Amino acid sequence: MNTIHRFCRLAHLLAAGAAALLVLAAASPAMAATARVPHYPPTAPPTQAPALIHTVSAAGMPGWQIALIVAGAAVLSAIVAVTADRARVSRRHVAAPSL
Protein backbone atom coordinates (compact mmCIF):
# COMPACT_ATOMS: atom_id res chain seq x y z
CA MET A 1 0.00 0.00 0.00
CA ASN A 2 3.03 2.25 0.31
CA THR A 3 3.35 2.36 -3.47
CA ILE A 4 -0.25 3.47 -3.84
CA HIS A 5 0.35 6.34 -1.40
CA ARG A 6 3.40 7.42 -3.38
CA PHE A 7 1.37 7.49 -6.59
CA CYS A 8 -1.41 9.43 -4.87
CA ARG A 9 1.07 11.98 -3.55
CA LEU A 10 2.59 12.32 -7.00
CA ALA A 11 -0.87 12.75 -8.52
CA HIS A 12 -1.74 15.44 -5.95
CA LEU A 13 1.54 17.23 -6.63
CA LEU A 14 0.95 17.18 -10.37
CA ALA A 15 -2.64 18.38 -9.93
CA ALA A 16 -1.48 21.25 -7.73
CA GLY A 17 1.15 22.23 -10.28
CA ALA A 18 -1.38 22.10 -13.10
CA ALA A 19 -3.80 24.24 -11.09
CA ALA A 20 -1.05 26.78 -10.38
CA LEU A 21 -0.17 26.96 -14.07
CA LEU A 22 -3.83 27.35 -14.97
CA VAL A 23 -4.22 30.25 -12.53
CA LEU A 24 -1.05 31.85 -13.88
CA ALA A 25 -2.28 31.48 -17.46
CA ALA A 26 -5.64 32.97 -16.54
CA ALA A 27 -4.04 35.94 -14.77
CA SER A 28 -1.46 36.69 -17.48
CA PRO A 29 -3.72 38.73 -19.79
CA ALA A 30 -4.88 40.84 -16.86
CA MET A 31 -1.30 41.56 -15.83
CA ALA A 32 -0.32 42.49 -19.38
CA ALA A 33 -3.26 44.87 -19.85
CA THR A 34 -1.89 47.65 -17.66
CA ALA A 35 -2.11 51.19 -19.01
CA ARG A 36 1.22 52.76 -19.88
CA VAL A 37 1.76 56.48 -19.50
CA PRO A 38 4.05 58.03 -22.14
CA HIS A 39 7.21 59.54 -20.70
CA TYR A 40 8.67 62.58 -22.36
CA PRO A 41 12.37 63.35 -22.18
CA PRO A 42 13.08 65.81 -19.36
CA THR A 43 15.09 68.14 -21.60
CA ALA A 44 12.47 68.60 -24.31
CA PRO A 45 8.98 69.23 -22.96
CA PRO A 46 6.12 68.57 -25.41
CA THR A 47 5.05 71.54 -27.51
CA GLN A 48 1.36 70.95 -26.86
CA ALA A 49 -0.46 69.51 -23.90
CA PRO A 50 -1.06 65.77 -24.04
CA ALA A 51 -4.60 64.71 -24.82
CA LEU A 52 -6.84 63.78 -21.92
CA ILE A 53 -7.45 60.07 -21.71
CA HIS A 54 -10.90 58.92 -20.64
CA THR A 55 -10.97 55.33 -19.55
CA VAL A 56 -14.03 53.42 -20.69
CA SER A 57 -14.69 50.18 -18.90
CA ALA A 58 -16.62 48.19 -21.45
CA ALA A 59 -15.39 44.66 -20.80
CA GLY A 60 -14.63 44.70 -17.08
CA MET A 61 -15.81 42.22 -14.52
CA PRO A 62 -18.74 43.33 -12.35
CA GLY A 63 -18.25 43.53 -8.62
CA TRP A 64 -20.73 40.77 -7.82
CA GLN A 65 -18.72 38.32 -9.93
CA ILE A 66 -15.53 39.23 -8.09
CA ALA A 67 -17.29 38.78 -4.76
CA LEU A 68 -18.62 35.39 -5.91
CA ILE A 69 -15.14 34.25 -6.92
CA VAL A 70 -13.71 35.38 -3.58
CA ALA A 71 -16.45 33.59 -1.65
CA GLY A 72 -15.92 30.41 -3.68
CA ALA A 73 -12.17 30.55 -3.08
CA ALA A 74 -12.74 30.98 0.66
CA VAL A 75 -15.11 28.00 0.81
CA LEU A 76 -12.74 25.87 -1.26
CA SER A 77 -9.75 26.74 0.92
CA ALA A 78 -11.75 25.91 4.05
CA ILE A 79 -12.71 22.53 2.60
CA VAL A 80 -9.10 21.79 1.69
CA ALA A 81 -7.88 22.83 5.15
CA VAL A 82 -10.42 20.65 6.95
CA THR A 83 -9.69 17.68 4.69
CA ALA A 84 -5.94 18.05 5.18
CA ASP A 85 -6.36 18.33 8.96
CA ARG A 86 -8.54 15.22 9.11
CA ALA A 87 -6.05 13.30 6.96
CA ARG A 88 -3.21 14.39 9.24
CA VAL A 89 -5.09 13.38 12.38
CA SER A 90 -6.00 9.99 10.94
CA ARG A 91 -2.33 9.25 10.19
CA ARG A 92 -1.18 9.86 13.76
CA HIS A 93 0.23 6.82 15.47
CA VAL A 94 -1.02 6.34 18.98
CA ALA A 95 1.75 5.27 21.28
CA ALA A 96 1.08 2.15 23.27
CA PRO A 97 0.70 2.87 26.97
CA SER A 98 3.61 1.70 29.05
CA LEU A 99 2.79 -0.70 31.83
C-alpha atoms as a PDB file:
ATOM      1  CA  MET A   1       0.000   0.000   0.000  1.00  0.00           C
ATOM      2  CA  ASN A   2       3.026   2.250   0.313  1.00  0.00           C
ATOM      3  CA  THR A   3       3.349   2.358  -3.469  1.00  0.00           C
ATOM      4  CA  ILE A   4      -0.255   3.469  -3.836  1.00  0.00           C
ATOM      5  CA  HIS A   5       0.349   6.339  -1.397  1.00  0.00           C
ATOM      6  CA  ARG A   6       3.395   7.417  -3.381  1.00  0.00           C
ATOM      7  CA  PHE A   7       1.373   7.489  -6.588  1.00  0.00           C
ATOM      8  CA  CYS A   8      -1.408   9.434  -4.865  1.00  0.00           C
ATOM      9  CA  ARG A   9       1.066  11.976  -3.549  1.00  0.00           C
ATOM     10  CA  LEU A  10       2.595  12.323  -6.999  1.00  0.00           C
ATOM     11  CA  ALA A  11      -0.871  12.752  -8.519  1.00  0.00           C
ATOM     12  CA  HIS A  12      -1.737  15.435  -5.952  1.00  0.00           C
ATOM     13  CA  LEU A  13       1.537  17.231  -6.628  1.00  0.00           C
ATOM     14  CA  LEU A  14       0.948  17.176 -10.373  1.00  0.00           C
ATOM     15  CA  ALA A  15      -2.636  18.377  -9.927  1.00  0.00           C
ATOM     16  CA  ALA A  16      -1.476  21.252  -7.726  1.00  0.00           C
ATOM     17  CA  GLY A  17       1.152  22.225 -10.281  1.00  0.00           C
ATOM     18  CA  ALA A  18      -1.378  22.101 -13.096  1.00  0.00           C
ATOM     19  CA  ALA A  19      -3.800  24.242 -11.091  1.00  0.00           C
ATOM     20  CA  ALA A  20      -1.050  26.779 -10.384  1.00  0.00           C
ATOM     21  CA  LEU A  21      -0.168  26.956 -14.072  1.00  0.00           C
ATOM     22  CA  LEU A  22      -3.831  27.350 -14.968  1.00  0.00           C
ATOM     23  CA  VAL A  23      -4.217  30.247 -12.533  1.00  0.00           C
ATOM     24  CA  LEU A  24      -1.051  31.854 -13.881  1.00  0.00           C
ATOM     25  CA  ALA A  25      -2.277  31.484 -17.459  1.00  0.00           C
ATOM     26  CA  ALA A  26      -5.645  32.973 -16.541  1.00  0.00           C
ATOM     27  CA  ALA A  27      -4.044  35.938 -14.774  1.00  0.00           C
ATOM     28  CA  SER A  28      -1.455  36.691 -17.479  1.00  0.00           C
ATOM     29  CA  PRO A  29      -3.725  38.727 -19.787  1.00  0.00           C
ATOM     30  CA  ALA A  30      -4.884  40.838 -16.858  1.00  0.00           C
ATOM     31  CA  MET A  31      -1.305  41.558 -15.831  1.00  0.00           C
ATOM     32  CA  ALA A  32      -0.317  42.487 -19.382  1.00  0.00           C
ATOM     33  CA  ALA A  33      -3.260  44.872 -19.848  1.00  0.00           C
ATOM     34  CA  THR A  34      -1.892  47.647 -17.665  1.00  0.00           C
ATOM     35  CA  ALA A  35      -2.107  51.191 -19.012  1.00  0.00           C
ATOM     36  CA  ARG A  36       1.218  52.758 -19.882  1.00  0.00           C
ATOM     37  CA  VAL A  37       1.756  56.482 -19.499  1.00  0.00           C
ATOM     38  CA  PRO A  38       4.053  58.029 -22.139  1.00  0.00           C
ATOM     39  CA  HIS A  39       7.213  59.539 -20.701  1.00  0.00           C
ATOM     40  CA  TYR A  40       8.668  62.578 -22.357  1.00  0.00           C
ATOM     41  CA  PRO A  41      12.372  63.352 -22.183  1.00  0.00           C
ATOM     42  CA  PRO A  42      13.079  65.807 -19.360  1.00  0.00           C
ATOM     43  CA  THR A  43      15.092  68.137 -21.602  1.00  0.00           C
ATOM     44  CA  ALA A  44      12.473  68.602 -24.309  1.00  0.00           C
ATOM     45  CA  PRO A  45       8.976  69.231 -22.965  1.00  0.00           C
ATOM     46  CA  PRO A  46       6.122  68.568 -25.408  1.00  0.00           C
ATOM     47  CA  THR A  47       5.053  71.539 -27.506  1.00  0.00           C
ATOM     48  CA  GLN A  48       1.363  70.954 -26.865  1.00  0.00           C
ATOM     49  CA  ALA A  49      -0.460  69.506 -23.898  1.00  0.00           C
ATOM     50  CA  PRO A  50      -1.064  65.768 -24.042  1.00  0.00           C
ATOM     51  CA  ALA A  51      -4.604  64.712 -24.818  1.00  0.00           C
ATOM     52  CA  LEU A  52      -6.837  63.779 -21.922  1.00  0.00           C
ATOM     53  CA  ILE A  53      -7.449  60.065 -21.706  1.00  0.00           C
ATOM     54  CA  HIS A  54     -10.901  58.920 -20.640  1.00  0.00           C
ATOM     55  CA  THR A  55     -10.973  55.333 -19.546  1.00  0.00           C
ATOM     56  CA  VAL A  56     -14.034  53.420 -20.689  1.00  0.00           C
ATOM     57  CA  SER A  57     -14.692  50.179 -18.896  1.00  0.00           C
ATOM     58  CA  ALA A  58     -16.624  48.188 -21.454  1.00  0.00           C
ATOM     59  CA  ALA A  59     -15.393  44.658 -20.801  1.00  0.00           C
ATOM     60  CA  GLY A  60     -14.632  44.699 -17.082  1.00  0.00           C
ATOM     61  CA  MET A  61     -15.810  42.216 -14.521  1.00  0.00           C
ATOM     62  CA  PRO A  62     -18.739  43.326 -12.353  1.00  0.00           C
ATOM     63  CA  GLY A  63     -18.253  43.532  -8.620  1.00  0.00           C
ATOM     64  CA  TRP A  64     -20.726  40.773  -7.820  1.00  0.00           C
ATOM     65  CA  GLN A  65     -18.715  38.318  -9.927  1.00  0.00           C
ATOM     66  CA  ILE A  66     -15.533  39.232  -8.091  1.00  0.00           C
ATOM     67  CA  ALA A  67     -17.292  38.776  -4.758  1.00  0.00           C
ATOM     68  CA  LEU A  68     -18.622  35.394  -5.910  1.00  0.00           C
ATOM     69  CA  ILE A  69     -15.138  34.251  -6.919  1.00  0.00           C
ATOM     70  CA  VAL A  70     -13.710  35.378  -3.579  1.00  0.00           C
ATOM     71  CA  ALA A  71     -16.453  33.589  -1.649  1.00  0.00           C
ATOM     72  CA  GLY A  72     -15.918  30.413  -3.683  1.00  0.00           C
ATOM     73  CA  ALA A  73     -12.168  30.548  -3.084  1.00  0.00           C
ATOM     74  CA  ALA A  74     -12.740  30.980   0.657  1.00  0.00           C
ATOM     75  CA  VAL A  75     -15.113  28.001   0.808  1.00  0.00           C
ATOM     76  CA  LEU A  76     -12.740  25.867  -1.262  1.00  0.00           C
ATOM     77  CA  SER A  77      -9.748  26.740   0.919  1.00  0.00           C
ATOM     78  CA  ALA A  78     -11.751  25.912   4.046  1.00  0.00           C
ATOM     79  CA  ILE A  79     -12.714  22.531   2.598  1.00  0.00           C
ATOM     80  CA  VAL A  80      -9.098  21.791   1.687  1.00  0.00           C
ATOM     81  CA  ALA A  81      -7.879  22.829   5.149  1.00  0.00           C
ATOM     82  CA  VAL A  82     -10.421  20.647   6.954  1.00  0.00           C
ATOM     83  CA  THR A  83      -9.691  17.683   4.687  1.00  0.00           C
ATOM     84  CA  ALA A  84      -5.942  18.052   5.180  1.00  0.00           C
ATOM     85  CA  ASP A  85      -6.356  18.325   8.960  1.00  0.00           C
ATOM     86  CA  ARG A  86      -8.543  15.218   9.109  1.00  0.00           C
ATOM     87  CA  ALA A  87      -6.053  13.304   6.962  1.00  0.00           C
ATOM     88  CA  ARG A  88      -3.207  14.393   9.240  1.00  0.00           C
ATOM     89  CA  VAL A  89      -5.086  13.383  12.376  1.00  0.00           C
ATOM     90  CA  SER A  90      -6.003   9.985  10.937  1.00  0.00           C
ATOM     91  CA  ARG A  91      -2.328   9.248  10.191  1.00  0.00           C
ATOM     92  CA  ARG A  92      -1.184   9.857  13.756  1.00  0.00           C
ATOM     93  CA  HIS A  93       0.228   6.824  15.472  1.00  0.00           C
ATOM     94  CA  VAL A  94      -1.022   6.343  18.976  1.00  0.00           C
ATOM     95  CA  ALA A  95       1.753   5.271  21.280  1.00  0.00           C
ATOM     96  CA  ALA A  96       1.083   2.150  23.271  1.00  0.00           C
ATOM     97  CA  PRO A  97       0.697   2.866  26.969  1.00  0.00           C
ATOM     98  CA  SER A  98       3.614   1.697  29.046  1.00  0.00           C
ATOM     99  CA  LEU A  99       2.787  -0.704  31.827  1.00  0.00           C
END
